[in-house]
Amino acid sequence: LPGSAQILYGSLVGNVTDSSDAAVPGAKVTILHTATGTSRDVVTTDAGLYRFPTISPGQYAVTVVANGFRTFSQSN
């Protein structure tokens, strides 16, 4: 018999770029699950990419901090 599974998690992936669309490596990206107050951090790759695997469903606030740039924040 075939097995079945339920996926209980999602993921969040993206890239950080400057105003000229150049990658911003080494930026700290933080996500905050607004319902639970839990947060996680990652640092962007040399190509400006970040990934948060296996995150719980819900609304998040995202903050990006990088040297030489203003802090970026986005909620919901």
C-alpha atoms as a PDB file:
ATOM      1  CA  LEU A   1       0.000   0.000   0.000  1.00  0.00           C
ATOM      2  CA  PRO A   2       1.234   3.486  -0.729  1.00  0.00           C
ATOM      3  CA  GLY A   3       2.068   5.718   2.205  1.00  0.00           C
ATOM      4  CA  SER A   4       0.921   9.259   2.689  1.00  0.00           C
ATOM      5  CA  ALA A   5       2.332  12.228   4.551  1.00  0.00           C
ATOM      6  CA  GLN A   6       1.323  15.666   5.629  1.00  0.00           C
ATOM      7  CA  ILE A   7       3.623  18.627   5.304  1.00  0.00           C
ATOM      8  CA  LEU A   8       3.497  20.716   8.450  1.00  0.00           C
ATOM      9  CA  TYR A   9       6.213  23.197   7.558  1.00  0.00           C
ATOM     10  CA  GLY A  10       7.044  25.667   4.844  1.00  0.00           C
ATOM     11  CA  SER A  11      10.184  27.527   3.882  1.00  0.00           C
ATOM     12  CA  LEU A  12      11.165  31.100   3.177  1.00  0.00           C
ATOM     13  CA  VAL A  13      13.803  31.879   0.572  1.00  0.00           C
ATOM     14  CA  GLY A  14      14.949  35.104  -1.028  1.00  0.00           C
ATOM     15  CA  ASN A  15      17.828  37.357  -1.923  1.00  0.00           C
ATOM     16  CA  VAL A  16      19.098  40.672  -0.639  1.00  0.00           C
ATOM     17  CA  THR A  17      20.134  43.253  -3.231  1.00  0.00           C
ATOM     18  CA  ASP A  18      21.020  46.932  -3.206  1.00  0.00           C
ATOM     19  CA  SER A  19      19.391  49.673  -5.290  1.00  0.00           C
ATOM     20  CA  SER A  20      21.438  48.638  -8.346  1.00  0.00           C
ATOM     21  CA  ASP A  21      20.332  44.971  -7.974  1.00  0.00           C
ATOM     22  CA  ALA A  22      23.808  43.909  -6.830  1.00  0.00           C
ATOM     23  CA  ALA A  23      23.918  41.097  -4.264  1.00  0.00           C
ATOM     24  CA  VAL A  24      24.515  42.011  -0.623  1.00  0.00           C
ATOM     25  CA  PRO A  25      26.591  39.204   0.916  1.00  0.00           C
ATOM     26  CA  GLY A  26      26.880  38.846   4.685  1.00  0.00           C
ATOM     27  CA  ALA A  27      23.568  40.543   5.501  1.00  0.00           C
ATOM     28  CA  LYS A  28      21.829  39.243   8.625  1.00  0.00           C
ATOM     29  CA  VAL A  29      18.215  38.239   7.917  1.00  0.00           C
ATOM     30  CA  THR A  30      15.958  37.656  10.929  1.00  0.00           C
ATOM     31  CA  ILE A  31      12.429  36.286  10.874  1.00  0.00           C
ATOM     32  CA  LEU A  32      10.073  36.623  13.830  1.00  0.00           C
ATOM     33  CA  HIS A  33       6.948  34.433  14.037  1.00  0.00           C
ATOM     34  CA  THR A  34       4.526  37.067  15.314  1.00  0.00           C
ATOM     35  CA  ALA A  35       2.139  34.620  17.032  1.00  0.00           C
ATOM     36  CA  THR A  36       4.784  32.732  19.013  1.00  0.00           C
ATOM     37  CA  GLY A  37       7.567  35.299  19.372  1.00  0.00           C
ATOM     38  CA  THR A  38      10.187  32.842  18.132  1.00  0.00           C
ATOM     39  CA  SER A  39      12.898  34.116  15.824  1.00  0.00           C
ATOM     40  CA  ARG A  40      15.620  32.708  13.599  1.00  0.00           C
ATOM     41  CA  ASP A  41      18.639  34.288  11.888  1.00  0.00           C
ATOM     42  CA  VAL A  42      20.665  33.484   8.794  1.00  0.00           C
ATOM     43  CA  VAL A  43      23.424  35.319   6.923  1.00  0.00           C
ATOM     44  CA  THR A  44      23.221  35.825   3.166  1.00  0.00           C
ATOM     45  CA  THR A  45      25.597  33.943   0.887  1.00  0.00           C
ATOM     46  CA  ASP A  46      28.112  35.589  -1.446  1.00  0.00           C
ATOM     47  CA  ALA A  47      25.242  35.765  -3.970  1.00  0.00           C
ATOM     48  CA  GLY A  48      22.968  37.522  -1.440  1.00  0.00           C
ATOM     49  CA  LEU A  49      20.741  34.450  -1.010  1.00  0.00           C
ATOM     50  CA  TYR A  50      19.069  33.339   2.214  1.00  0.00           C
ATOM     51  CA  ARG A  51      16.931  30.373   3.175  1.00  0.00           C
ATOM     52  CA  PHE A  52      14.842  29.420   6.186  1.00  0.00           C
ATOM     53  CA  PRO A  53      13.847  25.761   5.793  1.00  0.00           C
ATOM     54  CA  THR A  54      11.084  24.175   7.851  1.00  0.00           C
ATOM     55  CA  ILE A  55       9.286  27.189   9.278  1.00  0.00           C
ATOM     56  CA  SER A  56       5.901  26.952  10.940  1.00  0.00           C
ATOM     57  CA  PRO A  57       2.880  28.416   9.150  1.00  0.00           C
ATOM     58  CA  GLY A  58       1.862  31.908  10.207  1.00  0.00           C
ATOM     59  CA  GLN A  59       2.711  35.556   9.840  1.00  0.00           C
ATOM     60  CA  TYR A  60       6.302  36.728  10.106  1.00  0.00           C
ATOM     61  CA  ALA A  61       8.214  39.960  10.485  1.00  0.00           C
ATOM     62  CA  VAL A  62      11.430  40.048   8.443  1.00  0.00           C
ATOM     63  CA  THR A  63      14.388  42.286   9.274  1.00  0.00           C
ATOM     64  CA  VAL A  64      17.574  42.676   7.223  1.00  0.00           C
ATOM     65  CA  VAL A  65      20.704  44.325   8.626  1.00  0.00           C
ATOM     66  CA  ALA A  66      23.877  44.917   6.591  1.00  0.00           C
ATOM     67  CA  ASN A  67      26.896  47.159   7.130  1.00  0.00           C
ATOM     68  CA  GLY A  68      26.609  50.359   5.122  1.00  0.00           C
ATOM     69  CA  PHE A  69      22.841  50.013   4.593  1.00  0.00           C
ATOM     70  CA  ARG A  70      19.706  51.120   6.429  1.00  0.00           C
ATOM     71  CA  THR A  71      17.883  48.377   8.307  1.00  0.00           C
ATOM     72  CA  PHE A  72      14.944  46.959   6.352  1.00  0.00           C
ATOM     73  CA  SER A  73      11.860  45.594   8.109  1.00  0.00           C
ATOM     74  CA  GLN A  74       8.621  44.151   6.734  1.00  0.00           C
ATOM     75  CA  SER A  75       5.721  42.622   8.628  1.00  0.00           C
ATOM     76  CA  ASN A  76       2.904  40.243   7.623  1.00  0.00           C
END
